[in-house]
Amino acid sequence: MTYPAGAYAPDRSAIQRSAITLIVVGFLCGGTIPAVMGIIALVLMDSDPASARTMNKVGWILFWVIFGLLLLFLLVYFGFFVLIMGAAFIPLLGT
C-alpha cells in the first residue's frame, strides 16, 4: 500500500519487532491468545500495516490483562493456602 505525500506511514521495523516480541513473550508468559495476535500482526504487516499495528496493540493489552489476572489468581491462591495451612498448624505449635 502506498501512502500519499505527508501521510503517516507506519514503521515496518517497529511493527515487526513488536510482533515478534509479543509472540515470544505471549507464549512464555501470557498464553496463546497474545501470541496469535502477534502472528496475525506479522502476516498483515506487508499488506495492511495499520491493521498490523492495531493487532499489536490489542495483543499487548490482552497480554497485560492475562498476566495481571494470573498474578491476582496466584496471590489469592497462596493467600488462602497460607491462611488455611497456617490455621491448621497453629495447634501443633502450641504443644
Protein backbone atom coordinates (compact mmCIF):
# COMPACT_ATOMS: atom_id res chain seq x y z
CA MET A 1 0.00 0.00 0.00
CA THR A 2 1.35 3.39 -0.92
CA TYR A 3 0.71 6.44 1.20
CA PRO A 4 0.20 9.95 -0.20
CA ALA A 5 2.80 12.61 0.49
CA GLY A 6 2.57 13.92 4.03
CA ALA A 7 0.51 10.96 5.26
CA TYR A 8 1.71 8.84 8.15
CA ALA A 9 3.31 5.57 7.05
CA PRO A 10 3.72 3.04 9.88
CA ASP A 11 7.28 1.99 10.65
CA ARG A 12 7.64 -1.57 9.36
CA SER A 13 10.57 -2.49 11.60
CA ALA A 14 8.78 -1.28 14.74
CA ILE A 15 5.70 -3.35 13.86
CA GLN A 16 7.85 -6.40 13.17
CA ARG A 17 9.88 -6.03 16.39
CA SER A 18 6.76 -5.58 18.49
CA ALA A 19 5.00 -8.54 16.86
CA ILE A 20 7.95 -10.89 17.33
CA THR A 21 8.36 -9.79 20.95
CA LEU A 22 4.64 -10.30 21.50
CA ILE A 23 4.84 -13.81 20.07
CA VAL A 24 7.75 -14.84 22.28
CA VAL A 25 6.51 -13.19 25.48
CA GLY A 26 2.95 -14.29 24.77
CA PHE A 27 3.88 -17.95 24.51
CA LEU A 28 6.19 -17.80 27.53
CA CYS A 29 4.08 -15.74 29.96
CA GLY A 30 0.69 -14.74 28.69
CA GLY A 31 -0.85 -17.69 26.93
CA THR A 32 -1.56 -18.31 23.29
CA ILE A 33 -4.05 -15.51 22.61
CA PRO A 34 -1.47 -12.65 22.63
CA ALA A 35 0.94 -14.80 20.62
CA VAL A 36 -1.72 -15.46 17.98
CA MET A 37 -2.37 -11.71 17.78
CA GLY A 38 1.37 -11.22 17.17
CA ILE A 39 1.34 -13.84 14.42
CA ILE A 40 -1.63 -12.12 12.77
CA ALA A 41 0.21 -8.80 13.00
CA LEU A 42 3.23 -10.32 11.26
CA VAL A 43 1.04 -11.69 8.49
CA LEU A 44 -0.73 -8.35 7.99
CA MET A 45 2.45 -6.28 8.20
CA ASP A 46 3.08 -6.07 4.44
CA SER A 47 -0.48 -5.91 3.18
CA ASP A 48 -2.08 -3.67 5.83
CA PRO A 49 0.33 -2.01 8.29
CA ALA A 50 -2.43 -0.09 10.09
CA SER A 51 -4.25 -3.31 10.95
CA ALA A 52 -0.95 -4.89 11.98
CA ARG A 53 -0.36 -2.04 14.45
CA THR A 54 -3.88 -2.50 15.78
CA MET A 55 -3.30 -6.23 16.24
CA ASN A 56 -0.07 -5.48 18.09
CA LYS A 57 -1.83 -3.05 20.42
CA VAL A 58 -4.70 -5.46 21.09
CA GLY A 59 -2.23 -8.30 21.65
CA TRP A 60 -0.21 -6.30 24.19
CA ILE A 61 -3.36 -5.20 26.01
CA LEU A 62 -4.54 -8.81 26.18
CA PHE A 63 -1.11 -9.91 27.39
CA TRP A 64 -1.10 -7.46 30.29
CA VAL A 65 -4.70 -8.27 31.23
CA ILE A 66 -4.00 -12.03 31.24
CA PHE A 67 -0.71 -11.53 33.10
CA GLY A 68 -2.42 -9.34 35.72
CA LEU A 69 -5.21 -11.85 36.21
CA LEU A 70 -2.65 -14.64 36.57
CA LEU A 71 -0.77 -12.68 39.24
CA LEU A 72 -4.00 -11.89 41.04
CA PHE A 73 -5.01 -15.55 40.96
CA LEU A 74 -1.63 -16.65 42.33
CA LEU A 75 -1.78 -14.05 45.08
CA VAL A 76 -5.26 -15.10 46.15
CA TYR A 77 -4.41 -18.81 45.87
CA PHE A 78 -1.28 -18.57 48.01
CA GLY A 79 -3.02 -16.19 50.41
CA PHE A 80 -5.78 -18.71 51.05
CA PHE A 81 -3.25 -21.55 51.16
CA VAL A 82 -1.23 -19.78 53.87
CA LEU A 83 -4.36 -18.92 55.84
CA ILE A 84 -5.72 -22.46 55.70
CA MET A 85 -2.40 -24.23 56.29
CA GLY A 86 -1.36 -21.66 58.88
CA ALA A 87 -4.60 -22.22 60.80
CA ALA A 88 -4.10 -25.99 60.55
CA PHE A 89 -0.59 -25.84 62.03
CA ILE A 90 -1.35 -23.46 64.94
CA PRO A 91 -2.39 -26.30 67.33
CA LEU A 92 0.86 -28.12 66.58
CA LEU A 93 2.93 -25.07 67.51
CA GLY A 94 1.37 -24.86 70.97
CA THR A 95 2.40 -28.35 72.06
